[in-house]
């Protein structure tokens, strides 16, 4: 009885792979294309991470934030 109920409700509760949200694949930013300011901030964040110190990051545009995260990936500070 219990197994029949589970099988009957499976389509309702279990996420189906056919209905999954399509993901957008973005190209990675090459190291030469990273702007100077986010690259410097990446070095500051990496240095503070090694020293276990907090870092305050100022407001940035989405592009600058993406460049900052990419510079941290390249320096292998945060993967």
C-alpha atoms as a PDB file:
ATOM      1  CA  UNK A   1       0.000   0.000   0.000  1.00  0.00           C
ATOM      2  CA  UNK A   2       2.705   2.430   0.994  1.00  0.00           C
ATOM      3  CA  UNK A   3       4.853   1.641  -2.074  1.00  0.00           C
ATOM      4  CA  UNK A   4       1.915   2.216  -4.409  1.00  0.00           C
ATOM      5  CA  UNK A   5       1.351   5.648  -2.892  1.00  0.00           C
ATOM      6  CA  UNK A   6       5.033   6.538  -3.316  1.00  0.00           C
ATOM      7  CA  UNK A   7       5.012   5.448  -6.957  1.00  0.00           C
ATOM      8  CA  UNK A   8       1.810   7.379  -7.624  1.00  0.00           C
ATOM      9  CA  UNK A   9       3.228  10.610  -6.189  1.00  0.00           C
ATOM     10  CA  UNK A  10       6.680  10.278  -7.728  1.00  0.00           C
ATOM     11  CA  UNK A  11       5.879  12.269 -10.880  1.00  0.00           C
ATOM     12  CA  UNK A  12       4.563  15.123  -8.770  1.00  0.00           C
ATOM     13  CA  UNK A  13       7.451  15.387  -6.316  1.00  0.00           C
ATOM     14  CA  UNK A  14      10.553  14.244  -8.183  1.00  0.00           C
ATOM     15  CA  UNK A  15      12.121  16.813 -10.492  1.00  0.00           C
ATOM     16  CA  UNK A  16      12.246  15.651 -14.051  1.00  0.00           C
ATOM     17  CA  UNK A  17      15.413  16.225 -16.079  1.00  0.00           C
ATOM     18  CA  UNK A  18      13.396  17.156 -19.152  1.00  0.00           C
ATOM     19  CA  UNK A  19      11.875  20.103 -17.297  1.00  0.00           C
ATOM     20  CA  UNK A  20      15.146  21.424 -15.901  1.00  0.00           C
ATOM     21  CA  UNK A  21      16.096  25.045 -16.424  1.00  0.00           C
ATOM     22  CA  UNK A  22      18.509  25.536 -19.344  1.00  0.00           C
ATOM     23  CA  UNK A  23      21.829  26.918 -18.126  1.00  0.00           C
ATOM     24  CA  UNK A  24      23.748  29.587 -19.982  1.00  0.00           C
ATOM     25  CA  UNK A  25      27.401  28.828 -20.488  1.00  0.00           C
ATOM     26  CA  UNK A  26      29.514  31.966 -20.386  1.00  0.00           C
ATOM     27  CA  UNK A  27      33.023  32.242 -21.687  1.00  0.00           C
ATOM     28  CA  UNK A  28      35.762  32.754 -19.117  1.00  0.00           C
ATOM     29  CA  UNK A  29      37.513  36.091 -19.108  1.00  0.00           C
ATOM     30  CA  UNK A  30      41.144  35.822 -20.248  1.00  0.00           C
ATOM     31  CA  UNK A  31      43.783  37.195 -17.896  1.00  0.00           C
ATOM     32  CA  UNK A  32      44.729  39.974 -20.328  1.00  0.00           C
ATOM     33  CA  UNK A  33      41.151  41.293 -20.468  1.00  0.00           C
ATOM     34  CA  UNK A  34      40.814  41.873 -16.706  1.00  0.00           C
ATOM     35  CA  UNK A  35      40.788  45.551 -15.822  1.00  0.00           C
ATOM     36  CA  UNK A  36      43.488  46.963 -13.569  1.00  0.00           C
ATOM     37  CA  UNK A  37      41.275  47.976 -10.612  1.00  0.00           C
ATOM     38  CA  UNK A  38      39.669  44.541 -10.030  1.00  0.00           C
ATOM     39  CA  UNK A  39      43.063  42.888 -10.460  1.00  0.00           C
ATOM     40  CA  UNK A  40      44.498  45.063  -7.671  1.00  0.00           C
ATOM     41  CA  UNK A  41      41.480  44.310  -5.469  1.00  0.00           C
ATOM     42  CA  UNK A  42      42.034  40.626  -6.116  1.00  0.00           C
ATOM     43  CA  UNK A  43      45.573  40.898  -4.778  1.00  0.00           C
ATOM     44  CA  UNK A  44      44.327  42.768  -1.705  1.00  0.00           C
ATOM     45  CA  UNK A  45      41.654  40.141  -1.018  1.00  0.00           C
ATOM     46  CA  UNK A  46      44.132  37.283  -1.510  1.00  0.00           C
ATOM     47  CA  UNK A  47      46.631  38.878   0.872  1.00  0.00           C
ATOM     48  CA  UNK A  48      43.951  39.456   3.516  1.00  0.00           C
ATOM     49  CA  UNK A  49      42.755  35.859   3.102  1.00  0.00           C
ATOM     50  CA  UNK A  50      46.239  34.541   3.820  1.00  0.00           C
ATOM     51  CA  UNK A  51      46.396  36.709   6.948  1.00  0.00           C
ATOM     52  CA  UNK A  52      42.834  35.724   7.985  1.00  0.00           C
ATOM     53  CA  UNK A  53      41.727  39.357   7.986  1.00  0.00           C
ATOM     54  CA  UNK A  54      38.356  40.715   6.882  1.00  0.00           C
ATOM     55  CA  UNK A  55      38.125  42.727   3.676  1.00  0.00           C
ATOM     56  CA  UNK A  56      35.576  45.363   2.741  1.00  0.00           C
ATOM     57  CA  UNK A  57      34.891  45.421  -0.964  1.00  0.00           C
ATOM     58  CA  UNK A  58      33.373  48.643  -2.320  1.00  0.00           C
ATOM     59  CA  UNK A  59      30.323  48.769  -4.566  1.00  0.00           C
ATOM     60  CA  UNK A  60      31.139  47.536  -8.064  1.00  0.00           C
ATOM     61  CA  UNK A  61      29.366  46.958 -11.324  1.00  0.00           C
ATOM     62  CA  UNK A  62      28.649  43.389 -12.365  1.00  0.00           C
ATOM     63  CA  UNK A  63      31.512  43.474 -14.851  1.00  0.00           C
ATOM     64  CA  UNK A  64      34.016  44.623 -12.231  1.00  0.00           C
ATOM     65  CA  UNK A  65      32.795  42.002  -9.773  1.00  0.00           C
ATOM     66  CA  UNK A  66      33.182  39.309 -12.419  1.00  0.00           C
ATOM     67  CA  UNK A  67      36.717  40.514 -13.131  1.00  0.00           C
ATOM     68  CA  UNK A  68      37.498  40.479  -9.395  1.00  0.00           C
ATOM     69  CA  UNK A  69      36.281  36.902  -9.021  1.00  0.00           C
ATOM     70  CA  UNK A  70      38.209  35.834 -12.132  1.00  0.00           C
ATOM     71  CA  UNK A  71      41.411  37.462 -10.807  1.00  0.00           C
ATOM     72  CA  UNK A  72      40.953  35.518  -7.550  1.00  0.00           C
ATOM     73  CA  UNK A  73      40.584  32.310  -9.562  1.00  0.00           C
ATOM     74  CA  UNK A  74      43.738  33.060 -11.522  1.00  0.00           C
ATOM     75  CA  UNK A  75      45.742  33.780  -8.373  1.00  0.00           C
ATOM     76  CA  UNK A  76      44.316  30.540  -6.885  1.00  0.00           C
ATOM     77  CA  UNK A  77      43.330  32.413  -3.743  1.00  0.00           C
ATOM     78  CA  UNK A  78      39.687  31.358  -3.965  1.00  0.00           C
ATOM     79  CA  UNK A  79      38.595  28.630  -6.352  1.00  0.00           C
END
